[in-house]
Amino acid sequence: MATKKSVSLSVGRGEKLPASQGAGLTAKGREKYNRETGSNLKAPAPNPKTEADKGRKASFCARMGGVAANAKDGERAKAALKRWKC
């Protein structure tokens, strides 16, 4: 079984936004994460223009809604939902 690679992302290094600014990763943070894990994270799609972006937004809102509801302090999750206009 392969172990999941952990990537250290920091607000101070500009790799993710603080909750007060809507949370989530910056372009720099997405680039670092993709480089270190081989993933393909994309930018947020609060105003989707394509069908693929509409599906990504719906999926994100559904997943993150559960995270925010079940988190002890869902401040970052709630900020991300607001930023994506869920």
Protein backbone atom coordinates (compact mmCIF):
# COMPACT_ATOMS: atom_id res chain seq x y z
CA MET A 1 0.00 0.00 0.00
CA ALA A 2 1.42 3.40 -1.00
CA THR A 3 1.65 6.05 1.67
CA LYS A 4 0.21 9.47 1.02
CA LYS A 5 2.85 12.16 0.64
CA SER A 6 2.41 15.12 2.97
CA VAL A 7 3.13 18.61 1.70
CA SER A 8 3.84 21.44 4.12
CA LEU A 9 1.97 24.56 3.05
CA SER A 10 2.13 27.83 4.98
CA VAL A 11 0.19 31.09 5.12
CA GLY A 12 3.44 32.89 5.96
CA ARG A 13 5.17 31.69 2.77
CA GLY A 14 2.16 32.76 0.68
CA GLU A 15 1.13 29.21 -0.20
CA LYS A 16 -2.35 29.42 1.28
CA LEU A 17 -4.69 32.24 2.23
CA PRO A 18 -5.67 32.99 5.81
CA ALA A 19 -9.30 32.34 6.71
CA SER A 20 -9.93 36.09 6.82
CA GLN A 21 -9.17 36.24 3.08
CA GLY A 22 -11.27 33.24 2.11
CA ALA A 23 -8.89 30.36 2.89
CA GLY A 24 -7.71 28.00 0.15
CA LEU A 25 -4.46 27.66 -1.73
CA THR A 26 -2.79 30.39 -3.74
CA ALA A 27 -1.34 29.77 -7.21
CA LYS A 28 2.06 29.33 -5.52
CA GLY A 29 0.61 26.75 -3.11
CA ARG A 30 -1.13 24.81 -5.90
CA GLU A 31 2.09 24.78 -7.91
CA LYS A 32 4.10 23.45 -4.94
CA TYR A 33 1.48 20.81 -4.11
CA ASN A 34 1.23 19.64 -7.73
CA ARG A 35 5.02 19.50 -8.10
CA GLU A 36 5.55 17.47 -4.91
CA THR A 37 2.65 15.03 -5.31
CA GLY A 38 2.16 14.78 -9.06
CA SER A 39 -1.43 16.01 -8.65
CA ASN A 40 -3.27 18.45 -10.88
CA LEU A 41 -5.05 20.87 -8.54
CA LYS A 42 -6.87 23.64 -10.36
CA ALA A 43 -7.83 27.17 -9.31
CA PRO A 44 -11.22 27.73 -7.61
CA ALA A 45 -14.24 28.07 -9.90
CA PRO A 46 -16.66 30.39 -8.05
CA ASN A 47 -18.17 31.54 -11.36
CA PRO A 48 -18.01 28.44 -13.57
CA LYS A 49 -17.98 29.01 -17.31
CA THR A 50 -17.70 25.43 -18.57
CA GLU A 51 -19.69 22.32 -17.74
CA ALA A 52 -16.58 20.78 -16.17
CA ASP A 53 -16.20 23.77 -13.86
CA LYS A 54 -19.89 23.60 -12.90
CA GLY A 55 -19.42 19.96 -11.92
CA ARG A 56 -16.23 20.78 -9.95
CA LYS A 57 -18.03 23.54 -8.07
CA ALA A 58 -21.03 21.33 -7.21
CA SER A 59 -18.73 18.54 -6.05
CA PHE A 60 -16.58 20.89 -3.97
CA CYS A 61 -19.59 22.54 -2.32
CA ALA A 62 -21.11 19.17 -1.42
CA ARG A 63 -17.84 17.80 0.05
CA MET A 64 -16.81 20.96 1.88
CA GLY A 65 -20.31 21.49 3.26
CA GLY A 66 -19.95 18.21 5.17
CA VAL A 67 -16.46 19.15 6.36
CA ALA A 68 -17.68 22.53 7.67
CA ALA A 69 -20.67 20.97 9.41
CA ASN A 70 -18.62 18.28 11.17
CA ALA A 71 -15.51 20.30 12.06
CA LYS A 72 -15.00 21.51 15.61
CA ASP A 73 -13.80 24.86 14.31
CA GLY A 74 -14.74 24.93 10.64
CA GLU A 75 -13.50 28.48 10.13
CA ARG A 76 -11.28 27.65 7.11
CA ALA A 77 -13.92 25.39 5.60
CA LYS A 78 -16.63 28.04 5.98
CA ALA A 79 -14.32 30.67 4.47
CA ALA A 80 -13.61 28.40 1.50
CA LEU A 81 -17.35 27.83 0.97
CA LYS A 82 -17.88 31.58 0.96
CA ARG A 83 -15.02 32.11 -1.49
CA TRP A 84 -16.47 29.50 -3.88
CA LYS A 85 -19.92 31.14 -3.46
CA CYS A 86 -21.53 27.88 -2.29
